[in-house]
N, C-alpha and C. Protein backbone atom coordinates (compact mmCIF):
# COMPACT_ATOMS: atom_id res chain seq x y z
N UNK A 1 22.88 3.97 -34.89
CA UNK A 1 23.65 3.88 -33.67
C UNK A 1 22.97 4.73 -32.59
N UNK A 2 22.82 4.19 -31.41
CA UNK A 2 22.20 4.90 -30.29
C UNK A 2 23.29 5.54 -29.42
N UNK A 3 22.93 6.70 -28.93
CA UNK A 3 23.87 7.45 -28.06
C UNK A 3 23.60 7.04 -26.63
N UNK A 4 24.62 6.64 -25.90
CA UNK A 4 24.50 6.27 -24.51
C UNK A 4 24.81 7.49 -23.66
N UNK A 5 23.90 7.82 -22.75
CA UNK A 5 24.09 8.95 -21.85
C UNK A 5 24.67 8.38 -20.55
N UNK A 6 25.83 8.88 -20.18
CA UNK A 6 26.42 8.36 -18.93
C UNK A 6 25.72 8.97 -17.72
N UNK A 7 25.99 8.46 -16.55
CA UNK A 7 25.24 8.83 -15.36
C UNK A 7 25.30 10.30 -15.00
N UNK A 8 26.46 10.98 -15.06
CA UNK A 8 26.46 12.39 -14.72
C UNK A 8 25.60 13.25 -15.65
N UNK A 9 25.57 12.93 -16.94
CA UNK A 9 24.72 13.70 -17.85
C UNK A 9 23.23 13.44 -17.55
N UNK A 10 22.92 12.20 -17.26
CA UNK A 10 21.53 11.86 -16.92
C UNK A 10 21.05 12.60 -15.70
N UNK A 11 21.92 12.69 -14.70
CA UNK A 11 21.58 13.38 -13.48
C UNK A 11 21.40 14.87 -13.71
N UNK A 12 22.25 15.45 -14.60
CA UNK A 12 22.10 16.86 -14.91
C UNK A 12 20.80 17.14 -15.64
N UNK A 13 20.43 16.25 -16.58
CA UNK A 13 19.21 16.47 -17.34
C UNK A 13 17.96 16.34 -16.41
N UNK A 14 18.00 15.36 -15.51
CA UNK A 14 16.85 15.21 -14.59
C UNK A 14 16.77 16.39 -13.62
N UNK A 15 17.90 16.89 -13.15
CA UNK A 15 17.89 18.06 -12.24
C UNK A 15 17.34 19.27 -12.97
N UNK A 16 17.70 19.45 -14.24
CA UNK A 16 17.22 20.59 -15.04
C UNK A 16 15.71 20.46 -15.25
N UNK A 17 15.21 19.26 -15.52
CA UNK A 17 13.78 19.04 -15.72
C UNK A 17 13.00 19.32 -14.46
N UNK A 18 13.51 18.88 -13.31
CA UNK A 18 12.83 19.14 -12.04
C UNK A 18 12.79 20.63 -11.73
N UNK A 19 13.90 21.32 -12.00
CA UNK A 19 13.93 22.76 -11.76
C UNK A 19 12.93 23.49 -12.65
N UNK A 20 12.80 23.07 -13.89
CA UNK A 20 11.85 23.73 -14.79
C UNK A 20 10.42 23.52 -14.32
N UNK A 21 10.11 22.31 -13.81
CA UNK A 21 8.75 22.05 -13.31
C UNK A 21 8.48 22.89 -12.06
N UNK A 22 9.44 23.01 -11.16
CA UNK A 22 9.23 23.82 -9.98
C UNK A 22 9.05 25.30 -10.28
N UNK A 23 9.83 25.81 -11.22
CA UNK A 23 9.72 27.22 -11.60
C UNK A 23 8.39 27.48 -12.29
N UNK A 24 7.91 26.53 -13.11
CA UNK A 24 6.63 26.73 -13.78
C UNK A 24 5.46 26.74 -12.83
N UNK A 25 5.56 26.02 -11.71
CA UNK A 25 4.47 25.98 -10.74
C UNK A 25 4.45 27.14 -9.80
N UNK A 26 5.41 28.04 -9.83
CA UNK A 26 5.50 29.13 -8.87
C UNK A 26 4.82 30.40 -9.32
N UNK A 27 4.31 30.48 -10.50
CA UNK A 27 3.75 31.74 -10.99
C UNK A 27 2.24 31.83 -10.81
N UNK A 28 1.69 33.02 -10.95
CA UNK A 28 0.27 33.33 -10.96
C UNK A 28 -0.47 32.85 -9.70
N UNK A 29 0.08 33.04 -8.54
CA UNK A 29 -0.59 32.69 -7.32
C UNK A 29 -1.55 33.81 -6.95
N UNK A 30 -2.77 33.51 -6.48
CA UNK A 30 -3.69 34.58 -6.11
C UNK A 30 -3.16 35.36 -4.89
N UNK A 31 -3.52 36.61 -4.89
CA UNK A 31 -3.05 37.47 -3.82
C UNK A 31 -3.79 37.14 -2.52
N UNK A 32 -3.08 37.15 -1.40
CA UNK A 32 -3.68 36.92 -0.13
C UNK A 32 -4.11 38.26 0.45
N UNK A 33 -5.41 38.36 0.74
CA UNK A 33 -5.95 39.62 1.26
C UNK A 33 -6.09 39.59 2.77
N UNK A 34 -6.03 38.41 3.38
CA UNK A 34 -6.17 38.30 4.83
C UNK A 34 -7.65 38.19 5.22
N UNK A 35 -8.60 38.24 4.27
CA UNK A 35 -10.00 38.14 4.60
C UNK A 35 -10.50 36.72 4.32
N UNK A 36 -11.39 36.29 5.14
CA UNK A 36 -11.96 34.93 5.01
C UNK A 36 -13.39 35.04 4.50
N UNK A 37 -13.75 34.29 3.51
CA UNK A 37 -15.10 34.33 2.94
C UNK A 37 -16.00 33.39 3.75
N UNK A 38 -17.20 33.84 4.05
CA UNK A 38 -18.19 33.01 4.75
C UNK A 38 -18.84 32.05 3.77
N UNK A 39 -19.10 30.85 4.24
CA UNK A 39 -19.73 29.81 3.44
C UNK A 39 -21.07 29.43 4.08
N UNK A 40 -22.12 29.35 3.25
CA UNK A 40 -23.42 28.97 3.75
C UNK A 40 -23.48 27.45 3.93
N UNK A 41 -23.67 26.98 5.18
CA UNK A 41 -23.70 25.55 5.44
C UNK A 41 -25.10 25.03 5.72
N UNK A 42 -26.13 25.86 5.45
CA UNK A 42 -27.49 25.41 5.74
C UNK A 42 -27.94 24.28 4.84
N UNK A 43 -27.40 24.15 3.64
CA UNK A 43 -27.83 23.12 2.68
C UNK A 43 -27.10 21.78 2.93
N UNK A 44 -26.19 21.72 3.89
CA UNK A 44 -25.45 20.49 4.11
C UNK A 44 -26.25 19.55 5.01
N UNK A 45 -26.10 18.24 4.73
CA UNK A 45 -26.78 17.24 5.58
C UNK A 45 -26.02 17.01 6.84
N UNK A 46 -26.74 16.77 7.95
CA UNK A 46 -26.12 16.54 9.23
C UNK A 46 -26.42 15.13 9.69
N UNK A 47 -25.43 14.46 10.28
CA UNK A 47 -25.57 13.10 10.75
C UNK A 47 -25.05 13.05 12.20
N UNK A 48 -25.80 12.35 13.06
CA UNK A 48 -25.36 12.19 14.44
C UNK A 48 -24.45 10.98 14.48
N UNK A 49 -23.28 11.18 15.07
CA UNK A 49 -22.28 10.10 15.20
C UNK A 49 -22.62 9.24 16.45
N UNK A 50 -22.42 7.96 16.32
CA UNK A 50 -22.66 7.08 17.47
C UNK A 50 -21.68 5.94 17.44
N UNK A 51 -21.40 5.37 18.63
CA UNK A 51 -20.48 4.24 18.72
C UNK A 51 -21.24 2.96 18.45
N UNK A 52 -20.60 2.05 17.70
CA UNK A 52 -21.20 0.75 17.41
C UNK A 52 -20.09 -0.26 17.28
N UNK A 53 -20.41 -1.51 17.50
CA UNK A 53 -19.40 -2.58 17.38
C UNK A 53 -19.35 -3.03 15.92
N UNK A 54 -18.11 -3.15 15.42
CA UNK A 54 -17.89 -3.60 14.07
C UNK A 54 -17.02 -4.86 14.14
N UNK A 55 -17.52 -5.98 13.64
CA UNK A 55 -16.71 -7.22 13.67
C UNK A 55 -15.67 -7.12 12.57
N UNK A 56 -14.47 -7.56 12.93
CA UNK A 56 -13.38 -7.58 11.97
C UNK A 56 -13.05 -9.01 11.55
N UNK A 57 -14.06 -9.74 11.23
CA UNK A 57 -13.92 -11.14 10.86
C UNK A 57 -14.56 -11.35 9.49
N UNK A 58 -13.80 -11.98 8.57
CA UNK A 58 -14.31 -12.28 7.27
C UNK A 58 -14.12 -13.76 7.03
N UNK A 59 -15.17 -14.46 6.63
CA UNK A 59 -15.07 -15.88 6.38
C UNK A 59 -15.07 -16.09 4.86
N UNK A 60 -14.00 -16.72 4.39
CA UNK A 60 -13.84 -16.97 2.96
C UNK A 60 -13.56 -18.43 2.73
N UNK A 61 -14.09 -18.96 1.66
CA UNK A 61 -13.82 -20.36 1.24
C UNK A 61 -12.67 -20.33 0.23
N UNK A 62 -11.82 -21.35 0.29
CA UNK A 62 -10.76 -21.42 -0.68
C UNK A 62 -9.88 -22.62 -0.41
N UNK A 63 -8.90 -22.76 -1.30
CA UNK A 63 -7.94 -23.86 -1.18
C UNK A 63 -6.54 -23.24 -1.16
N UNK A 64 -5.73 -23.72 -0.24
CA UNK A 64 -4.33 -23.26 -0.18
C UNK A 64 -3.47 -24.31 -0.86
N UNK A 65 -2.75 -23.90 -1.89
CA UNK A 65 -1.88 -24.78 -2.63
C UNK A 65 -0.48 -24.22 -2.60
N UNK A 66 0.49 -25.13 -2.48
CA UNK A 66 1.89 -24.70 -2.46
C UNK A 66 2.36 -24.41 -3.88
N UNK A 67 3.17 -23.38 -4.01
CA UNK A 67 3.79 -23.09 -5.30
C UNK A 67 5.07 -23.92 -5.44
N UNK A 68 5.84 -24.01 -4.39
CA UNK A 68 7.06 -24.81 -4.35
C UNK A 68 6.97 -25.79 -3.20
N UNK A 69 7.75 -26.85 -3.28
CA UNK A 69 7.75 -27.84 -2.20
C UNK A 69 9.19 -27.91 -1.65
N UNK A 70 9.28 -28.00 -0.33
CA UNK A 70 10.59 -28.10 0.31
C UNK A 70 10.51 -29.13 1.46
N UNK A 71 11.64 -29.74 1.72
CA UNK A 71 11.71 -30.64 2.84
C UNK A 71 12.38 -29.95 4.00
N UNK A 72 11.71 -29.93 5.12
CA UNK A 72 12.22 -29.30 6.34
C UNK A 72 12.56 -30.37 7.33
N UNK A 73 13.75 -30.33 7.84
CA UNK A 73 14.12 -31.33 8.85
C UNK A 73 14.99 -30.68 9.89
N UNK A 74 14.99 -31.30 11.08
CA UNK A 74 15.80 -30.77 12.17
C UNK A 74 16.56 -31.93 12.80
N UNK A 75 17.72 -31.63 13.30
CA UNK A 75 18.54 -32.66 13.92
C UNK A 75 18.26 -32.72 15.41
N UNK A 76 17.15 -33.34 15.76
CA UNK A 76 16.75 -33.49 17.16
C UNK A 76 16.41 -34.94 17.41
N UNK A 77 16.47 -35.34 18.65
CA UNK A 77 16.08 -36.71 18.97
C UNK A 77 14.70 -36.68 19.56
N UNK A 78 13.95 -37.73 19.34
CA UNK A 78 12.61 -37.80 19.86
C UNK A 78 11.79 -38.82 19.11
N UNK A 79 10.58 -39.05 19.57
CA UNK A 79 9.66 -39.99 18.95
C UNK A 79 8.36 -39.32 18.66
N UNK A 80 7.76 -39.64 17.55
CA UNK A 80 6.44 -39.14 17.18
C UNK A 80 5.41 -39.98 17.90
N UNK A 81 4.60 -39.36 18.72
CA UNK A 81 3.58 -40.08 19.49
C UNK A 81 2.34 -40.37 18.68
N UNK A 82 1.93 -39.37 17.85
CA UNK A 82 0.74 -39.59 17.06
C UNK A 82 0.85 -38.72 15.79
N UNK A 83 0.26 -39.20 14.73
CA UNK A 83 0.24 -38.47 13.46
C UNK A 83 -1.19 -38.56 12.95
N UNK A 84 -2.08 -37.63 13.43
CA UNK A 84 -3.49 -37.78 13.15
C UNK A 84 -3.90 -37.41 11.72
N UNK A 85 -3.03 -36.83 10.94
CA UNK A 85 -3.38 -36.40 9.58
C UNK A 85 -2.45 -37.04 8.58
N UNK A 86 -2.95 -37.21 7.37
CA UNK A 86 -2.15 -37.77 6.32
C UNK A 86 -2.07 -36.73 5.18
N UNK A 87 -1.19 -36.95 4.23
CA UNK A 87 -1.06 -36.04 3.08
C UNK A 87 -2.38 -35.99 2.34
N UNK A 88 -2.88 -34.80 2.07
CA UNK A 88 -4.12 -34.59 1.34
C UNK A 88 -5.37 -34.56 2.19
N UNK A 89 -5.24 -34.75 3.51
CA UNK A 89 -6.41 -34.67 4.39
C UNK A 89 -6.90 -33.23 4.54
N UNK A 90 -8.21 -33.08 4.68
CA UNK A 90 -8.79 -31.77 4.92
C UNK A 90 -8.72 -31.48 6.41
N UNK A 91 -8.16 -30.34 6.80
CA UNK A 91 -8.00 -30.01 8.21
C UNK A 91 -8.93 -28.85 8.54
N UNK A 92 -9.75 -29.02 9.57
CA UNK A 92 -10.69 -27.95 9.93
C UNK A 92 -10.25 -27.27 11.16
């Protein structure tokens, strides 16, 4: 038989676990002396920044296929003047 923990007990257990994690992370911090250590930057590589144009266009080949099919209709009056494409035609 499994024991079911109701919501208030579950919330208490999670709050206790979070508190334990926070308390464990608060110890053994290094002392702040107010002094800053100098770092030698002579061995670092330097690069000159410049402005350049970057195209944000990607051309990909693929096929778009529907997962589901639906009929869309509207209650409007009018006439179709031309229907240049048929079902299954490739449209560029």
